[in-house]
Protein backbone atom coordinates (compact mmCIF):
# COMPACT_ATOMS: atom_id res chain seq x y z
CA ASP A 1 0.00 0.00 0.00
CA ILE A 2 1.32 3.42 -0.94
CA TRP A 3 0.80 4.81 2.58
CA ASP A 4 3.07 2.12 4.01
CA LEU A 5 5.74 2.94 1.45
CA LEU A 6 5.57 6.72 1.89
CA SER A 7 5.57 6.43 5.68
CA ARG A 8 8.80 4.42 5.71
CA ARG A 9 11.82 6.30 6.89
CA TRP A 10 13.61 8.09 4.04
CA SER A 11 10.96 7.46 1.34
CA LEU A 12 9.69 11.04 1.16
CA LEU A 13 13.21 12.46 1.39
CA VAL A 14 14.32 10.22 -1.48
CA LEU A 15 11.42 11.48 -3.59
CA LYS A 16 12.05 15.08 -2.58
CA ASN A 17 15.72 14.85 -3.56
CA LEU A 18 14.90 13.11 -6.83
CA SER A 19 12.46 15.90 -7.63
CA THR A 20 15.26 18.50 -7.49
CA LYS A 21 17.02 17.02 -10.53
CA ASN A 22 15.98 15.38 -13.75
CA VAL A 23 18.36 12.45 -13.21
CA ILE A 24 20.43 11.51 -10.17
CA ARG A 25 22.98 8.79 -9.51
CA PHE A 26 23.07 6.60 -6.41
CA ASN A 27 26.11 8.18 -4.74
CA GLU A 28 24.90 11.70 -5.45
CA LEU A 29 21.57 10.84 -3.85
CA LYS A 30 23.33 9.23 -0.89
CA ARG A 31 25.44 12.36 -0.32
CA SER A 32 22.30 14.49 -0.25
CA LEU A 33 20.70 12.26 2.40
CA LYS A 34 22.82 12.47 5.52
CA ASP A 35 23.05 9.30 7.65
CA ILE A 36 21.27 6.94 5.25
CA SER A 37 23.00 3.61 4.73
CA ASN A 38 23.62 2.10 1.30
CA THR A 39 21.33 -0.80 2.17
CA VAL A 40 18.40 1.38 3.23
CA LEU A 41 18.80 3.68 0.23
CA SER A 42 18.91 0.69 -2.09
CA ASP A 43 15.81 -0.78 -0.42
CA ARG A 44 13.85 2.47 -0.70
CA LEU A 45 14.82 2.94 -4.33
CA SER A 46 13.73 -0.62 -5.12
CA GLU A 47 10.40 -0.14 -3.34
CA LEU A 48 9.74 3.16 -5.11
CA GLU A 49 10.62 1.55 -8.43
CA ARG A 50 8.24 -1.39 -7.76
CA GLU A 51 5.43 1.11 -7.09
CA GLY A 52 6.14 2.91 -10.36
CA LEU A 53 7.32 6.14 -8.73
CA ILE A 54 10.88 6.06 -10.06
CA THR A 55 12.74 4.45 -12.93
CA LYS A 56 16.24 3.06 -12.86
CA LYS A 57 18.52 3.00 -15.88
CA ILE A 58 21.66 0.87 -15.78
CA TYR A 59 24.54 1.63 -18.13
CA PRO A 60 26.81 -1.36 -18.81
CA GLU A 61 30.04 0.41 -17.97
CA ILE A 62 32.88 -0.20 -15.59
CA PRO A 63 32.28 1.02 -13.00
CA LEU A 64 28.56 0.40 -13.33
CA LYS A 65 26.56 3.59 -13.85
CA VAL A 66 22.98 3.71 -12.53
CA GLU A 67 20.64 6.68 -12.87
CA TYR A 68 17.30 7.28 -11.18
CA ARG A 69 14.49 9.61 -12.15
CA LEU A 70 10.91 10.28 -11.16
CA THR A 71 8.13 8.84 -13.26
CA THR A 72 5.18 10.92 -14.41
CA LYS A 73 3.18 9.40 -11.55
CA ALA A 74 5.72 10.63 -9.00
CA LYS A 75 6.00 14.05 -10.64
CA ASP A 76 2.34 14.51 -9.75
CA LEU A 77 3.49 14.35 -6.12
CA GLU A 78 5.89 17.29 -6.52
CA PRO A 79 3.35 20.02 -5.59
CA ILE A 80 2.46 18.01 -2.48
CA LEU A 81 6.14 17.64 -1.52
CA GLN A 82 6.69 21.37 -2.08
CA SER A 83 3.66 22.20 0.09
CA LEU A 84 4.95 19.89 2.79
CA SER A 85 8.35 21.61 2.65
CA ARG A 86 6.73 25.03 3.00
CA TRP A 87 4.67 23.75 5.95
CA CYS A 88 7.85 22.44 7.62
CA GLU A 89 9.61 25.77 7.10
CA ARG A 90 6.63 27.71 8.43
CA TRP A 91 6.60 25.70 11.65
CA ASP A 92 10.39 25.45 11.86
CA LEU A 93 10.31 21.66 11.56
CA LYS A 94 13.43 21.35 9.39
CA LYS A 95 16.05 20.44 11.90
């Protein structure tokens, strides 16, 4: 269920960070999310991909290059994420 997925730790932050760029690579995303482990980030990305919110493109290079982007379905969430960010700023909840 989408509520379970979105309520998991890091899910909304992953989506929010993906929404700031057209395409983002794993390590770039990890750097933007302080304290997230590789395992948890990988799990969240897989879950979001299974739900059709992000796509993953793998380039057969050495080292392996993987890019993530929001799907059209997830882009519909962007105004909601922006509103949530404004709400957090208004109530000083970004700590």
